[in-house]
């Protein structure tokens, strides 16, 4: 298996647009909390979640990577990656 295919298998989609606003942050924290080191959640939303980014950085610090894939009004895609977590 190529490295590209192996990397894409560790990317899990999360479309926040279909989740009620009052549940979004809890759902996102739960999904990111389930990721293991080396895994990524591809987050899709209708706006740039600046306050959420600050909360995630506060919780995860250097264990969180944030890579914007798309950043336009009404269409935001961010890869949230988890790195260097201890094995469970």
Protein backbone atom coordinates (compact mmCIF):
# COMPACT_ATOMS: atom_id res chain seq x y z
CA UNK A 1 0.00 0.00 0.00
CA UNK A 2 1.37 3.43 -0.87
CA UNK A 3 2.06 6.05 1.79
CA UNK A 4 -0.64 8.31 0.30
CA UNK A 5 -3.30 5.61 0.62
CA UNK A 6 -2.17 4.75 4.14
CA UNK A 7 -2.35 8.41 5.17
CA UNK A 8 -5.83 8.88 3.65
CA UNK A 9 -7.13 5.85 5.56
CA UNK A 10 -6.42 7.71 8.79
CA UNK A 11 -8.54 10.73 7.77
CA UNK A 12 -12.05 10.65 9.19
CA UNK A 13 -14.73 13.02 7.83
CA UNK A 14 -16.81 15.14 10.19
CA UNK A 15 -19.47 17.41 8.68
CA UNK A 16 -20.62 19.81 11.38
CA UNK A 17 -23.27 21.41 9.15
CA UNK A 18 -25.75 18.63 9.92
CA UNK A 19 -25.41 18.89 13.69
CA UNK A 20 -27.62 21.23 15.72
CA UNK A 21 -25.65 24.28 16.88
CA UNK A 22 -26.13 23.55 20.56
CA UNK A 23 -24.54 20.09 20.17
CA UNK A 24 -21.70 20.96 17.81
CA UNK A 25 -18.85 21.68 20.20
CA UNK A 26 -19.59 18.63 22.34
CA UNK A 27 -19.75 16.42 19.25
CA UNK A 28 -16.49 17.85 17.91
CA UNK A 29 -14.67 17.43 21.24
CA UNK A 30 -15.89 13.84 21.42
CA UNK A 31 -14.79 13.05 17.87
CA UNK A 32 -11.35 14.60 18.29
CA UNK A 33 -10.99 12.89 21.66
CA UNK A 34 -11.47 9.53 19.95
CA UNK A 35 -8.57 10.11 17.54
CA UNK A 36 -5.22 8.42 18.08
CA UNK A 37 -1.81 9.82 17.22
CA UNK A 38 -1.36 10.01 13.48
CA UNK A 39 -5.09 10.27 12.77
CA UNK A 40 -6.91 13.27 11.32
CA UNK A 41 -10.47 14.52 11.41
CA UNK A 42 -11.47 16.38 8.22
CA UNK A 43 -13.88 18.98 9.57
CA UNK A 44 -16.44 20.64 7.26
CA UNK A 45 -18.42 23.69 8.37
CA UNK A 46 -20.25 26.71 6.99
CA UNK A 47 -18.08 29.22 8.89
CA UNK A 48 -14.55 29.55 10.29
CA UNK A 49 -14.73 28.25 13.88
CA UNK A 50 -12.24 30.64 15.50
CA UNK A 51 -13.52 30.22 19.11
CA UNK A 52 -13.52 26.44 18.68
CA UNK A 53 -9.90 26.52 17.48
CA UNK A 54 -8.88 28.36 20.65
CA UNK A 55 -10.72 25.83 22.83
CA UNK A 56 -9.12 22.90 21.03
CA UNK A 57 -5.65 24.42 21.34
CA UNK A 58 -6.25 25.01 25.07
CA UNK A 59 -7.22 21.35 25.53
CA UNK A 60 -4.69 19.68 23.25
CA UNK A 61 -1.79 22.13 22.96
CA UNK A 62 1.02 20.85 20.74
CA UNK A 63 -0.81 17.53 20.21
CA UNK A 64 -3.17 19.27 17.77
CA UNK A 65 -2.35 20.24 14.19
CA UNK A 66 -4.65 22.51 12.21
CA UNK A 67 -4.49 22.59 8.41
CA UNK A 68 -6.99 24.58 6.40
CA UNK A 69 -8.00 22.77 3.19
CA UNK A 70 -10.61 25.36 2.19
CA UNK A 71 -11.35 28.75 3.75
CA UNK A 72 -14.09 30.67 1.98
CA UNK A 73 -17.29 32.34 3.16
CA UNK A 74 -19.81 29.54 3.64
CA UNK A 75 -17.29 26.75 3.05
CA UNK A 76 -14.55 25.81 5.51
CA UNK A 77 -12.63 22.54 5.55
CA UNK A 78 -10.00 21.95 8.23
CA UNK A 79 -7.86 18.91 8.96
CA UNK A 80 -7.47 18.48 12.71
CA UNK A 81 -4.59 16.12 13.33
CA UNK A 82 -3.43 14.48 16.53
CA UNK A 83 0.28 13.96 17.13
CA UNK A 84 2.56 12.66 19.85
CA UNK A 85 -0.11 11.32 22.22
CA UNK A 86 1.07 8.52 24.50
CA UNK A 87 -0.12 5.02 23.58
CA UNK A 88 -3.14 3.78 25.52
